[in-house]
Amino acid sequence: MPSPGSDPLEVLDGLPLGLAGEARRWAVALHDGGPRTRARAHATAQSYVRAARPALLAWSARYDRLREVTHDDALACQLTEAMAAGFDPLHLAAVFGISETTAIRYAVNAQQLLGSPH
């Protein structure tokens, strides 16, 4: 049972209306599931939404809708997260819901782009 104040949607408070509405639909779909997706555990949905908040806030300064976010914006977000996590592929896989193989490729590419040691 979720504790009071642990609503995943509360994390989206403060975003511009257009972007917040789309992000809320995504968060509800995570939590409740949909026609082609299974519902996630409350803690999982909350974790995903919390992880997305910094990117959503950054994008809200430039965009009114999520559909305006470009592929490059998403890659920049992944690069920033990779750097913050010390290029840990398992962390990237968990945060972005990507395969471990893809996460390893992202981590290696980020290290090479930044000239960072392993």
PDB file of N, CA and C in Angstrom:
ATOM      1  N   MET A   1       0.839  -1.184   0.000  1.00  0.00           N
ATOM      2  CA  MET A   1       0.000   0.000   0.000  1.00  0.00           C
ATOM      3  C   MET A   1       0.880   1.241   0.000  1.00  0.00           C
ATOM      4  N   PRO A   2       0.622   2.205  -0.891  1.00  0.00           N
ATOM      5  CA  PRO A   2       1.436   3.401  -0.954  1.00  0.00           C
ATOM      6  C   PRO A   2       1.260   4.253   0.287  1.00  0.00           C
ATOM      7  N   SER A   3       2.339   4.915   0.683  1.00  0.00           N
ATOM      8  CA  SER A   3       2.257   5.810   1.831  1.00  0.00           C
ATOM      9  C   SER A   3       1.703   7.156   1.385  1.00  0.00           C
ATOM     10  N   PRO A   4       1.114   7.927   2.324  1.00  0.00           N
ATOM     11  CA  PRO A   4       0.604   9.249   1.955  1.00  0.00           C
ATOM     12  C   PRO A   4       1.716  10.108   1.372  1.00  0.00           C
ATOM     13  N   GLY A   5       1.379  10.882   0.352  1.00  0.00           N
ATOM     14  CA  GLY A   5       2.367  11.759  -0.280  1.00  0.00           C
ATOM     15  C   GLY A   5       3.292  11.036  -1.238  1.00  0.00           C
ATOM     16  N   SER A   6       2.999   9.760  -1.531  1.00  0.00           N
ATOM     17  CA  SER A   6       3.887   9.014  -2.420  1.00  0.00           C
ATOM     18  C   SER A   6       3.272   8.830  -3.808  1.00  0.00           C
ATOM     19  N   ASP A   7       2.313   9.656  -4.158  1.00  0.00           N
ATOM     20  CA  ASP A   7       1.658   9.582  -5.450  1.00  0.00           C
ATOM     21  C   ASP A   7       2.666   9.930  -6.542  1.00  0.00           C
ATOM     22  N   PRO A   8       2.871   9.031  -7.512  1.00  0.00           N
ATOM     23  CA  PRO A   8       3.843   9.327  -8.576  1.00  0.00           C
ATOM     24  C   PRO A   8       3.514  10.615  -9.324  1.00  0.00           C
ATOM     25  N   LEU A   9       2.232  10.980  -9.384  1.00  0.00           N
ATOM     26  CA  LEU A   9       1.852  12.177 -10.121  1.00  0.00           C
ATOM     27  C   LEU A   9       2.272  13.458  -9.415  1.00  0.00           C
ATOM     28  N   GLU A  10       2.464  13.405  -8.090  1.00  0.00           N
ATOM     29  CA  GLU A  10       2.899  14.600  -7.363  1.00  0.00           C
ATOM     30  C   GLU A  10       4.263  15.081  -7.847  1.00  0.00           C
ATOM     31  N   VAL A  11       5.072  14.171  -8.322  1.00  0.00           N
ATOM     32  CA  VAL A  11       6.412  14.522  -8.809  1.00  0.00           C
ATOM     33  C   VAL A  11       6.318  15.444 -10.024  1.00  0.00           C
ATOM     34  N   LEU A  12       5.197  15.416 -10.713  1.00  0.00           N
ATOM     35  CA  LEU A  12       5.032  16.214 -11.928  1.00  0.00           C
ATOM     36  C   LEU A  12       4.494  17.613 -11.651  1.00  0.00           C
ATOM     37  N   ASP A  13       4.168  17.908 -10.395  1.00  0.00           N
ATOM     38  CA  ASP A  13       3.682  19.246 -10.052  1.00  0.00           C
ATOM     39  C   ASP A  13       4.721  20.291 -10.440  1.00  0.00           C
ATOM     40  N   GLY A  14       4.259  21.402 -10.954  1.00  0.00           N
ATOM     41  CA  GLY A  14       5.155  22.498 -11.310  1.00  0.00           C
ATOM     42  C   GLY A  14       5.568  22.517 -12.771  1.00  0.00           C
ATOM     43  N   LEU A  15       5.214  21.492 -13.524  1.00  0.00           N
ATOM     44  CA  LEU A  15       5.528  21.492 -14.958  1.00  0.00           C
ATOM     45  C   LEU A  15       4.467  22.298 -15.708  1.00  0.00           C
ATOM     46  N   PRO A  16       4.812  22.886 -16.866  1.00  0.00           N
ATOM     47  CA  PRO A  16       3.815  23.578 -17.673  1.00  0.00           C
ATOM     48  C   PRO A  16       2.670  22.630 -18.042  1.00  0.00           C
ATOM     49  N   LEU A  17       1.474  23.186 -18.197  1.00  0.00           N
ATOM     50  CA  LEU A  17       0.273  22.363 -18.383  1.00  0.00           C
ATOM     51  C   LEU A  17       0.362  21.351 -19.520  1.00  0.00           C
ATOM     52  N   GLY A  18       0.782  21.789 -20.708  1.00  0.00           N
ATOM     53  CA  GLY A  18       0.823  20.872 -21.850  1.00  0.00           C
ATOM     54  C   GLY A  18       1.770  19.712 -21.607  1.00  0.00           C
ATOM     55  N   LEU A  19       2.953  20.022 -21.162  1.00  0.00           N
ATOM     56  CA  LEU A  19       3.954  18.989 -20.898  1.00  0.00           C
ATOM     57  C   LEU A  19       3.517  18.119 -19.717  1.00  0.00           C
ATOM     58  N   ALA A  20       2.959  18.748 -18.686  1.00  0.00           N
ATOM     59  CA  ALA A  20       2.524  18.002 -17.502  1.00  0.00           C
ATOM     60  C   ALA A  20       1.395  17.039 -17.843  1.00  0.00           C
ATOM     61  N   GLY A  21       0.469  17.476 -18.675  1.00  0.00           N
ATOM     62  CA  GLY A  21      -0.653  16.608 -19.049  1.00  0.00           C
ATOM     63  C   GLY A  21      -0.179  15.342 -19.749  1.00  0.00           C
ATOM     64  N   GLU A  22       0.748  15.500 -20.674  1.00  0.00           N
ATOM     65  CA  GLU A  22       1.281  14.339 -21.389  1.00  0.00           C
ATOM     66  C   GLU A  22       2.089  13.448 -20.463  1.00  0.00           C
ATOM     67  N   ALA A  23       2.891  14.065 -19.592  1.00  0.00           N
ATOM     68  CA  ALA A  23       3.684  13.279 -18.642  1.00  0.00           C
ATOM     69  C   ALA A  23       2.771  12.547 -17.655  1.00  0.00           C
ATOM     70  N   ARG A  24       1.669  13.177 -17.256  1.00  0.00           N
ATOM     71  CA  ARG A  24       0.718  12.525 -16.353  1.00  0.00           C
ATOM     72  C   ARG A  24       0.081  11.302 -17.016  1.00  0.00           C
ATOM     73  N   ARG A  25      -0.271  11.430 -18.289  1.00  0.00           N
ATOM     74  CA  ARG A  25      -0.849  10.272 -19.001  1.00  0.00           C
ATOM     75  C   ARG A  25       0.147   9.111 -19.029  1.00  0.00           C
ATOM     76  N   TRP A  26       1.420   9.434 -19.240  1.00  0.00           N
ATOM     77  CA  TRP A  26       2.462   8.407 -19.234  1.00  0.00           C
ATOM     78  C   TRP A  26       2.569   7.778 -17.843  1.00  0.00           C
ATOM     79  N   ALA A  27       2.566   8.618 -16.798  1.00  0.00           N
ATOM     80  CA  ALA A  27       2.701   8.108 -15.425  1.00  0.00           C
ATOM     81  C   ALA A  27       1.510   7.223 -15.056  1.00  0.00           C
ATOM     82  N   VAL A  28       0.312   7.621 -15.451  1.00  0.00           N
ATOM     83  CA  VAL A  28      -0.879   6.817 -15.167  1.00  0.00           C
ATOM     84  C   VAL A  28      -0.797   5.491 -15.919  1.00  0.00           C
ATOM     85  N   ALA A  29      -0.345   5.531 -17.161  1.00  0.00           N
ATOM     86  CA  ALA A  29      -0.199   4.296 -17.934  1.00  0.00           C
ATOM     87  C   ALA A  29       0.829   3.369 -17.301  1.00  0.00           C
ATOM     88  N   LEU A  30       1.916   3.945 -16.775  1.00  0.00           N
ATOM     89  CA  LEU A  30       2.906   3.132 -16.059  1.00  0.00           C
ATOM     90  C   LEU A  30       2.264   2.442 -14.861  1.00  0.00           C
ATOM     91  N   HIS A  31       1.550   3.220 -14.078  1.00  0.00           N
ATOM     92  CA  HIS A  31       0.981   2.733 -12.828  1.00  0.00           C
ATOM     93  C   HIS A  31      -0.192   1.776 -13.051  1.00  0.00           C
ATOM     94  N   ASP A  32      -1.085   2.132 -13.975  1.00  0.00           N
ATOM     95  CA  ASP A  32      -2.318   1.365 -14.161  1.00  0.00           C
ATOM     96  C   ASP A  32      -2.240   0.342 -15.282  1.00  0.00           C
ATOM     97  N   GLY A  33      -1.262   0.487 -16.160  1.00  0.00           N
ATOM     98  CA  GLY A  33      -1.198  -0.388 -17.321  1.00  0.00           C
ATOM     99  C   GLY A  33      -2.115   0.122 -18.415  1.00  0.00           C
ATOM    100  N   GLY A  34      -2.102  -0.557 -19.524  1.00  0.00           N
ATOM    101  CA  GLY A  34      -2.936  -0.155 -20.656  1.00  0.00           C
ATOM    102  C   GLY A  34      -3.257  -1.354 -21.508  1.00  0.00           C
ATOM    103  N   PRO A  35      -3.841  -1.114 -22.679  1.00  0.00           N
ATOM    104  CA  PRO A  35      -4.222  -2.236 -23.546  1.00  0.00           C
ATOM    105  C   PRO A  35      -3.040  -3.115 -23.962  1.00  0.00           C
ATOM    106  N   ARG A  36      -1.862  -2.503 -24.081  1.00  0.00           N
ATOM    107  CA  ARG A  36      -0.696  -3.280 -24.521  1.00  0.00           C
ATOM    108  C   ARG A  36       0.441  -3.299 -23.520  1.00  0.00           C
ATOM    109  N   THR A  37       0.218  -2.766 -22.331  1.00  0.00           N
ATOM    110  CA  THR A  37       1.270  -2.749 -21.321  1.00  0.00           C
ATOM    111  C   THR A  37       0.715  -3.195 -19.980  1.00  0.00           C
ATOM    112  N   ARG A  38       1.565  -3.817 -19.201  1.00  0.00           N
ATOM    113  CA  ARG A  38       1.138  -4.259 -17.873  1.00  0.00           C
ATOM    114  C   ARG A  38       1.353  -3.135 -16.867  1.00  0.00           C
ATOM    115  N   ALA A  39       0.576  -3.155 -15.815  1.00  0.00           N
ATOM    116  CA  ALA A  39       0.736  -2.159 -14.752  1.00  0.00           C
ATOM    117  C   ALA A  39       2.050  -2.414 -14.019  1.00  0.00           C
ATOM    118  N   ARG A  40       2.703  -1.346 -13.621  1.00  0.00           N
ATOM    119  CA  ARG A  40       3.933  -1.450 -12.839  1.00  0.00           C
ATOM    120  C   ARG A  40       3.588  -1.327 -11.364  1.00  0.00           C
ATOM    121  N   ALA A  41       4.440  -1.853 -10.524  1.00  0.00           N
ATOM    122  CA  ALA A  41       4.276  -1.687  -9.086  1.00  0.00           C
ATOM    123  C   ALA A  41       4.332  -0.193  -8.765  1.00  0.00           C
ATOM    124  N   HIS A  42       3.643   0.189  -7.701  1.00  0.00           N
ATOM    125  CA  HIS A  42       3.588   1.600  -7.322  1.00  0.00           C
ATOM    126  C   HIS A  42       5.000   2.190  -7.187  1.00  0.00           C
ATOM    127  N   ALA A  43       5.887   1.478  -6.489  1.00  0.00           N
ATOM    128  CA  ALA A  43       7.245   1.978  -6.271  1.00  0.00           C
ATOM    129  C   ALA A  43       8.007   2.106  -7.593  1.00  0.00           C
ATOM    130  N   THR A  44       7.761   1.204  -8.512  1.00  0.00           N
ATOM    131  CA  THR A  44       8.426   1.259  -9.814  1.00  0.00           C
ATOM    132  C   THR A  44       7.953   2.470 -10.601  1.00  0.00           C
ATOM    133  N   ALA A  45       6.644   2.677 -10.653  1.00  0.00           N
ATOM    134  CA  ALA A  45       6.100   3.832 -11.369  1.00  0.00           C
ATOM    135  C   ALA A  45       6.631   5.128 -10.757  1.00  0.00           C
ATOM    136  N   GLN A  46       6.648   5.193  -9.439  1.00  0.00           N
ATOM    137  CA  GLN A  46       7.148   6.386  -8.762  1.00  0.00           C
ATOM    138  C   GLN A  46       8.624   6.615  -9.088  1.00  0.00           C
ATOM    139  N   SER A  47       9.407   5.552  -9.109  1.00  0.00           N
ATOM    140  CA  SER A  47      10.832   5.659  -9.412  1.00  0.00           C
ATOM    141  C   SER A  47      11.053   6.169 -10.841  1.00  0.00           C
ATOM    142  N   TYR A  48      10.290   5.648 -11.798  1.00  0.00           N
ATOM    143  CA  TYR A  48      10.426   6.087 -13.190  1.00  0.00           C
ATOM    144  C   TYR A  48      10.090   7.565 -13.332  1.00  0.00           C
ATOM    145  N   VAL A  49       9.009   7.979 -12.684  1.00  0.00           N
ATOM    146  CA  VAL A  49       8.589   9.373 -12.802  1.00  0.00           C
ATOM    147  C   VAL A  49       9.604  10.291 -12.136  1.00  0.00           C
ATOM    148  N   ARG A  50      10.115   9.889 -10.979  1.00  0.00           N
ATOM    149  CA  ARG A  50      11.153  10.694 -10.310  1.00  0.00           C
ATOM    150  C   ARG A  50      12.401  10.802 -11.187  1.00  0.00           C
ATOM    151  N   ALA A  51      12.776   9.707 -11.838  1.00  0.00           N
ATOM    152  CA  ALA A  51      13.963   9.724 -12.702  1.00  0.00           C
ATOM    153  C   ALA A  51      13.756  10.631 -13.914  1.00  0.00           C
ATOM    154  N   ALA A  52      12.522  10.733 -14.382  1.00  0.00           N
ATOM    155  CA  ALA A  52      12.236  11.557 -15.564  1.00  0.00           C
ATOM    156  C   ALA A  52      12.106  13.039 -15.232  1.00  0.00           C
ATOM    157  N   ARG A  53      11.853  13.367 -13.979  1.00  0.00           N
ATOM    158  CA  ARG A  53      11.583  14.761 -13.599  1.00  0.00           C
ATOM    159  C   ARG A  53      12.673  15.754 -14.025  1.00  0.00           C
ATOM    160  N   PRO A  54      13.966  15.486 -13.789  1.00  0.00           N
ATOM    161  CA  PRO A  54      14.976  16.476 -14.215  1.00  0.00           C
ATOM    162  C   PRO A  54      14.930  16.766 -15.717  1.00  0.00           C
ATOM    163  N   ALA A  55      14.753  15.731 -16.518  1.00  0.00           N
ATOM    164  CA  ALA A  55      14.674  15.945 -17.969  1.00  0.00           C
ATOM    165  C   ALA A  55      13.407  16.721 -18.314  1.00  0.00           C
ATOM    166  N   LEU A  56      12.291  16.371 -17.694  1.00  0.00           N
ATOM    167  CA  LEU A  56      11.043  17.078 -17.967  1.00  0.00           C
ATOM    168  C   LEU A  56      11.152  18.556 -17.605  1.00  0.00           C
ATOM    169  N   LEU A  57      11.791  18.842 -16.480  1.00  0.00           N
ATOM    170  CA  LEU A  57      11.978  20.242 -16.085  1.00  0.00           C
ATOM    171  C   LEU A  57      12.864  20.989 -17.081  1.00  0.00           C
ATOM    172  N   ALA A  58      13.945  20.348 -17.514  1.00  0.00           N
ATOM    173  CA  ALA A  58      14.838  20.977 -18.490  1.00  0.00           C
ATOM    174  C   ALA A  58      14.102  21.223 -19.806  1.00  0.00           C
ATOM    175  N   TRP A  59      13.354  20.247 -20.263  1.00  0.00           N
ATOM    176  CA  TRP A  59      12.625  20.381 -21.519  1.00  0.00           C
ATOM    177  C   TRP A  59      11.505  21.411 -21.418  1.00  0.00           C
ATOM    178  N   SER A  60      10.936  21.568 -20.226  1.00  0.00           N
ATOM    179  CA  SER A  60       9.821  22.512 -20.070  1.00  0.00           C
ATOM    180  C   SER A  60      10.269  23.957 -20.296  1.00  0.00           C
ATOM    181  N   ALA A  61      11.555  24.229 -20.177  1.00  0.00           N
ATOM    182  CA  ALA A  61      12.065  25.577 -20.442  1.00  0.00           C
ATOM    183  C   ALA A  61      12.062  25.889 -21.940  1.00  0.00           C
ATOM    184  N   ARG A  62      12.069  24.843 -22.773  1.00  0.00           N
ATOM    185  CA  ARG A  62      12.139  25.036 -24.221  1.00  0.00           C
ATOM    186  C   ARG A  62      10.902  24.587 -24.979  1.00  0.00           C
ATOM    187  N   TYR A  63      10.146  23.679 -24.389  1.00  0.00           N
ATOM    188  CA  TYR A  63       9.032  23.075 -25.113  1.00  0.00           C
ATOM    189  C   TYR A  63       7.738  23.142 -24.314  1.00  0.00           C
ATOM    190  N   ASP A  64       6.635  23.176 -25.044  1.00  0.00           N
ATOM    191  CA  ASP A  64       5.315  23.146 -24.416  1.00  0.00           C
ATOM    192  C   ASP A  64       4.726  21.742 -24.400  1.00  0.00           C
ATOM    193  N   ARG A  65       5.213  20.873 -25.266  1.00  0.00           N
ATOM    194  CA  ARG A  65       4.682  19.511 -25.405  1.00  0.00           C
ATOM    195  C   ARG A  65       5.829  18.507 -25.509  1.00  0.00           C
ATOM    196  N   LEU A  66       5.580  17.313 -25.025  1.00  0.00           N
ATOM    197  CA  LEU A  66       6.613  16.268 -25.108  1.00  0.00           C
ATOM    198  C   LEU A  66       6.949  15.919 -26.552  1.00  0.00           C
ATOM    199  N   ARG A  67       5.983  16.018 -27.436  1.00  0.00           N
ATOM    200  CA  ARG A  67       6.250  15.642 -28.836  1.00  0.00           C
ATOM    201  C   ARG A  67       7.264  16.571 -29.505  1.00  0.00           C
ATOM    202  N   GLU A  68       7.544  17.706 -28.879  1.00  0.00           N
ATOM    203  CA  GLU A  68       8.546  18.626 -29.414  1.00  0.00           C
ATOM    204  C   GLU A  68       9.974  18.221 -29.037  1.00  0.00           C
ATOM    205  N   VAL A  69      10.110  17.357 -28.055  1.00  0.00           N
ATOM    206  CA  VAL A  69      11.430  16.900 -27.605  1.00  0.00           C
ATOM    207  C   VAL A  69      12.051  16.072 -28.726  1.00  0.00           C
ATOM    208  N   THR A  70      13.288  16.378 -29.051  1.00  0.00           N
ATOM    209  CA  THR A  70      13.962  15.695 -30.159  1.00  0.00           C
ATOM    210  C   THR A  70      14.759  14.482 -29.669  1.00  0.00           C
ATOM    211  N   HIS A  71      15.164  13.696 -30.610  1.00  0.00           N
ATOM    212  CA  HIS A  71      16.026  12.547 -30.331  1.00  0.00           C
ATOM    213  C   HIS A  71      17.317  13.020 -29.667  1.00  0.00           C
ATOM    214  N   ASP A  72      17.871  14.123 -30.147  1.00  0.00           N
ATOM    215  CA  ASP A  72      19.094  14.673 -29.558  1.00  0.00           C
ATOM    216  C   ASP A  72      18.890  15.093 -28.104  1.00  0.00           C
ATOM    217  N   ASP A  73      17.701  15.636 -27.806  1.00  0.00           N
ATOM    218  CA  ASP A  73      17.392  15.990 -26.410  1.00  0.00           C
ATOM    219  C   ASP A  73      17.435  14.756 -25.525  1.00  0.00           C
ATOM    220  N   ALA A  74      16.840  13.673 -26.006  1.00  0.00           N
ATOM    221  CA  ALA A  74      16.809  12.433 -25.230  1.00  0.00           C
ATOM    222  C   ALA A  74      18.219  11.864 -25.063  1.00  0.00           C
ATOM    223  N   LEU A  75      19.024  11.915 -26.113  1.00  0.00           N
ATOM    224  CA  LEU A  75      20.402  11.429 -26.011  1.00  0.00           C
ATOM    225  C   LEU A  75      21.222  12.263 -25.041  1.00  0.00           C
ATOM    226  N   ALA A  76      21.015  13.581 -25.049  1.00  0.00           N
ATOM    227  CA  ALA A  76      21.725  14.450 -24.111  1.00  0.00           C
ATOM    228  C   ALA A  76      21.355  14.089 -22.676  1.00  0.00           C
ATOM    229  N   CYS A  77      20.095  13.765 -22.466  1.00  0.00           N
ATOM    230  CA  CYS A  77      19.633  13.349 -21.139  1.00  0.00           C
ATOM    231  C   CYS A  77      20.322  12.052 -20.718  1.00  0.00           C
ATOM    232  N   GLN A  78      20.417  11.114 -21.639  1.00  0.00           N
ATOM    233  CA  GLN A  78      21.077   9.842 -21.341  1.00  0.00           C
ATOM    234  C   GLN A  78      22.562  10.049 -21.062  1.00  0.00           C
ATOM    235  N   LEU A  79      23.195  10.938 -21.808  1.00  0.00           N
ATOM    236  CA  LEU A  79      24.612  11.224 -21.586  1.00  0.00           C
ATOM    237  C   LEU A  79      24.823  11.839 -20.204  1.00  0.00           C
ATOM    238  N   THR A  80      23.968  12.778 -19.840  1.00  0.00           N
ATOM    239  CA  THR A  80      24.069  13.406 -18.523  1.00  0.00           C
ATOM    240  C   THR A  80      23.892  12.378 -17.418  1.00  0.00           C
ATOM    241  N   GLU A  81      22.918  11.507 -17.579  1.00  0.00           N
ATOM    242  CA  GLU A  81      22.669  10.462 -16.574  1.00  0.00           C
ATOM    243  C   GLU A  81      23.842   9.491 -16.524  1.00  0.00           C
ATOM    244  N   ALA A  82      24.414   9.163 -17.677  1.00  0.00           N
ATOM    245  CA  ALA A  82      25.566   8.257 -17.713  1.00  0.00           C
ATOM    246  C   ALA A  82      26.733   8.852 -16.942  1.00  0.00           C
ATOM    247  N   MET A  83      26.990  10.141 -17.137  1.00  0.00           N
ATOM    248  CA  MET A  83      28.079  10.800 -16.429  1.00  0.00           C
ATOM    249  C   MET A  83      27.805  10.812 -14.928  1.00  0.00           C
ATOM    250  N   ALA A  84      26.575  11.128 -14.541  1.00  0.00           N
ATOM    251  CA  ALA A  84      26.224  11.207 -13.119  1.00  0.00           C
ATOM    252  C   ALA A  84      26.347   9.855 -12.429  1.00  0.00           C
ATOM    253  N   ALA A  85      26.128   8.780 -13.188  1.00  0.00           N
ATOM    254  CA  ALA A  85      26.173   7.435 -12.614  1.00  0.00           C
ATOM    255  C   ALA A  85      27.541   6.786 -12.795  1.00  0.00           C
ATOM    256  N   GLY A  86      28.523   7.551 -13.228  1.00  0.00           N
ATOM    257  CA  GLY A  86      29.856   6.984 -13.417  1.00  0.00           C
ATOM    258  C   GLY A  86      29.923   5.984 -14.550  1.00  0.00           C
ATOM    259  N   PHE A  87      29.060   6.177 -15.566  1.00  0.00           N
ATOM    260  CA  PHE A  87      29.030   5.324 -16.762  1.00  0.00           C
ATOM    261  C   PHE A  87      28.684   3.870 -16.425  1.00  0.00           C
ATOM    262  N   ASP A  88      27.855   3.672 -15.420  1.00  0.00           N
ATOM    263  CA  ASP A  88      27.425   2.329 -15.012  1.00  0.00           C
ATOM    264  C   ASP A  88      26.317   1.838 -15.938  1.00  0.00           C
ATOM    265  N   PRO A  89      26.596   0.854 -16.799  1.00  0.00           N
ATOM    266  CA  PRO A  89      25.590   0.384 -17.748  1.00  0.00           C
ATOM    267  C   PRO A  89      24.338  -0.181 -17.075  1.00  0.00           C
ATOM    268  N   LEU A  90      24.478  -0.853 -15.956  1.00  0.00           N
ATOM    269  CA  LEU A  90      23.303  -1.416 -15.291  1.00  0.00           C
ATOM    270  C   LEU A  90      22.391  -0.311 -14.778  1.00  0.00           C
ATOM    271  N   HIS A  91      22.967   0.780 -14.323  1.00  0.00           N
ATOM    272  CA  HIS A  91      22.160   1.925 -13.894  1.00  0.00           C
ATOM    273  C   HIS A  91      21.391   2.493 -15.087  1.00  0.00           C
ATOM    274  N   LEU A  92      22.067   2.657 -16.207  1.00  0.00           N
ATOM    275  CA  LEU A  92      21.404   3.180 -17.401  1.00  0.00           C
ATOM    276  C   LEU A  92      20.277   2.265 -17.853  1.00  0.00           C
ATOM    277  N   ALA A  93      20.517   0.968 -17.811  1.00  0.00           N
ATOM    278  CA  ALA A  93      19.477   0.012 -18.209  1.00  0.00           C
ATOM    279  C   ALA A  93      18.250   0.157 -17.321  1.00  0.00           C
ATOM    280  N   ALA A  94      18.460   0.318 -16.017  1.00  0.00           N
ATOM    281  CA  ALA A  94      17.344   0.435 -15.080  1.00  0.00           C
ATOM    282  C   ALA A  94      16.606   1.761 -15.254  1.00  0.00           C
ATOM    283  N   VAL A  95      17.334   2.848 -15.392  1.00  0.00           N
ATOM    284  CA  VAL A  95      16.708   4.171 -15.476  1.00  0.00           C
ATOM    285  C   VAL A  95      15.953   4.354 -16.786  1.00  0.00           C
ATOM    286  N   PHE A  96      16.538   3.909 -17.891  1.00  0.00           N
ATOM    287  CA  PHE A  96      15.938   4.174 -19.191  1.00  0.00           C
ATOM    288  C   PHE A  96      15.166   2.986 -19.768  1.00  0.00           C
ATOM    289  N   GLY A  97      15.147   1.872 -19.053  1.00  0.00           N
ATOM    290  CA  GLY A  97      14.388   0.724 -19.536  1.00  0.00           C
ATOM    291  C   GLY A  97      14.928   0.168 -20.843  1.00  0.00           C
ATOM    292  N   ILE A  98      16.251   0.177 -20.976  1.00  0.00           N
ATOM    293  CA  ILE A  98      16.881  -0.334 -22.192  1.00  0.00           C
ATOM    294  C   ILE A  98      17.608  -1.638 -21.862  1.00  0.00           C
ATOM    295  N   SER A  99      17.952  -2.369 -22.885  1.00  0.00           N
ATOM    296  CA  SER A  99      18.652  -3.635 -22.660  1.00  0.00           C
ATOM    297  C   SER A  99      20.056  -3.367 -22.120  1.00  0.00           C
ATOM    298  N   GLU A 100      20.614  -4.362 -21.458  1.00  0.00           N
ATOM    299  CA  GLU A 100      21.967  -4.214 -20.929  1.00  0.00           C
ATOM    300  C   GLU A 100      22.971  -3.996 -22.057  1.00  0.00           C
ATOM    301  N   THR A 101      22.761  -4.663 -23.180  1.00  0.00           N
ATOM    302  CA  THR A 101      23.664  -4.508 -24.321  1.00  0.00           C
ATOM    303  C   THR A 101      23.649  -3.065 -24.820  1.00  0.00           C
ATOM    304  N   THR A 102      22.459  -2.495 -24.947  1.00  0.00           N
ATOM    305  CA  THR A 102      22.341  -1.104 -25.385  1.00  0.00           C
ATOM    306  C   THR A 102      22.954  -0.171 -24.352  1.00  0.00           C
ATOM    307  N   ALA A 103      22.725  -0.454 -23.078  1.00  0.00           N
ATOM    308  CA  ALA A 103      23.278   0.384 -22.007  1.00  0.00           C
ATOM    309  C   ALA A 103      24.801   0.361 -22.027  1.00  0.00           C
ATOM    310  N   ILE A 104      25.375  -0.797 -22.264  1.00  0.00           N
ATOM    311  CA  ILE A 104      26.835  -0.898 -22.349  1.00  0.00           C
ATOM    312  C   ILE A 104      27.344  -0.052 -23.519  1.00  0.00           C
ATOM    313  N   ARG A 105      26.658  -0.150 -24.652  1.00  0.00           N
ATOM    314  CA  ARG A 105      27.054   0.641 -25.825  1.00  0.00           C
ATOM    315  C   ARG A 105      26.975   2.136 -25.519  1.00  0.00           C
ATOM    316  N   TYR A 106      25.893   2.586 -24.859  1.00  0.00           N
ATOM    317  CA  TYR A 106      25.752   3.996 -24.487  1.00  0.00           C
ATOM    318  C   TYR A 106      26.872   4.429 -23.550  1.00  0.00           C
ATOM    319  N   ALA A 107      27.172   3.604 -22.553  1.00  0.00           N
ATOM    320  CA  ALA A 107      28.203   3.956 -21.578  1.00  0.00           C
ATOM    321  C   ALA A 107      29.569   4.075 -22.253  1.00  0.00           C
ATOM    322  N   VAL A 108      29.877   3.131 -23.131  1.00  0.00           N
ATOM    323  CA  VAL A 108      31.167   3.163 -23.840  1.00  0.00           C
ATOM    324  C   VAL A 108      31.228   4.394 -24.740  1.00  0.00           C
ATOM    325  N   ASN A 109      30.143   4.674 -25.462  1.00  0.00           N
ATOM    326  CA  ASN A 109      30.123   5.852 -26.335  1.00  0.00           C
ATOM    327  C   ASN A 109      30.290   7.134 -25.532  1.00  0.00           C
ATOM    328  N   ALA A 110      29.621   7.222 -24.383  1.00  0.00           N
ATOM    329  CA  ALA A 110      29.740   8.416 -23.544  1.00  0.00           C
ATOM    330  C   ALA A 110      31.172   8.586 -23.051  1.00  0.00           C
ATOM    331  N   GLN A 111      31.791   7.491 -22.646  1.00  0.00           N
ATOM    332  CA  GLN A 111      33.183   7.561 -22.191  1.00  0.00           C
ATOM    333  C   GLN A 111      34.090   8.045 -23.309  1.00  0.00           C
ATOM    334  N   GLN A 112      33.877   7.523 -24.509  1.00  0.00           N
ATOM    335  CA  GLN A 112      34.713   7.924 -25.637  1.00  0.00           C
ATOM    336  C   GLN A 112      34.493   9.381 -26.010  1.00  0.00           C
ATOM    337  N   LEU A 113      33.236   9.826 -25.994  1.00  0.00           N
ATOM    338  CA  LEU A 113      32.935  11.221 -26.322  1.00  0.00           C
ATOM    339  C   LEU A 113      33.592  12.185 -25.353  1.00  0.00           C
ATOM    340  N   LEU A 114      33.643  11.782 -24.100  1.00  0.00           N
ATOM    341  CA  LEU A 114      34.166  12.672 -23.072  1.00  0.00           C
ATOM    342  C   LEU A 114      35.622  12.412 -22.734  1.00  0.00           C
ATOM    343  N   GLY A 115      36.209  11.380 -23.361  1.00  0.00           N
ATOM    344  CA  GLY A 115      37.599  11.049 -23.093  1.00  0.00           C
ATOM    345  C   GLY A 115      37.820  10.633 -21.655  1.00  0.00           C
ATOM    346  N   SER A 116      36.816   9.976 -21.087  1.00  0.00           N
ATOM    347  CA  SER A 116      36.853   9.569 -19.685  1.00  0.00           C
ATOM    348  C   SER A 116      37.475   8.189 -19.556  1.00  0.00           C
ATOM    349  N   PRO A 117      38.287   7.957 -18.522  1.00  0.00           N
ATOM    350  CA  PRO A 117      38.854   6.618 -18.329  1.00  0.00           C
ATOM    351  C   PRO A 117      37.790   5.627 -17.899  1.00  0.00           C
ATOM    352  N   HIS A 118      38.033   4.341 -18.093  1.00  0.00           N
ATOM    353  CA  HIS A 118      37.076   3.283 -17.745  1.00  0.00           C
ATOM    354  C   HIS A 118      36.936   3.191 -16.260  1.00  0.00           C
TER     355      HIS A 118
END
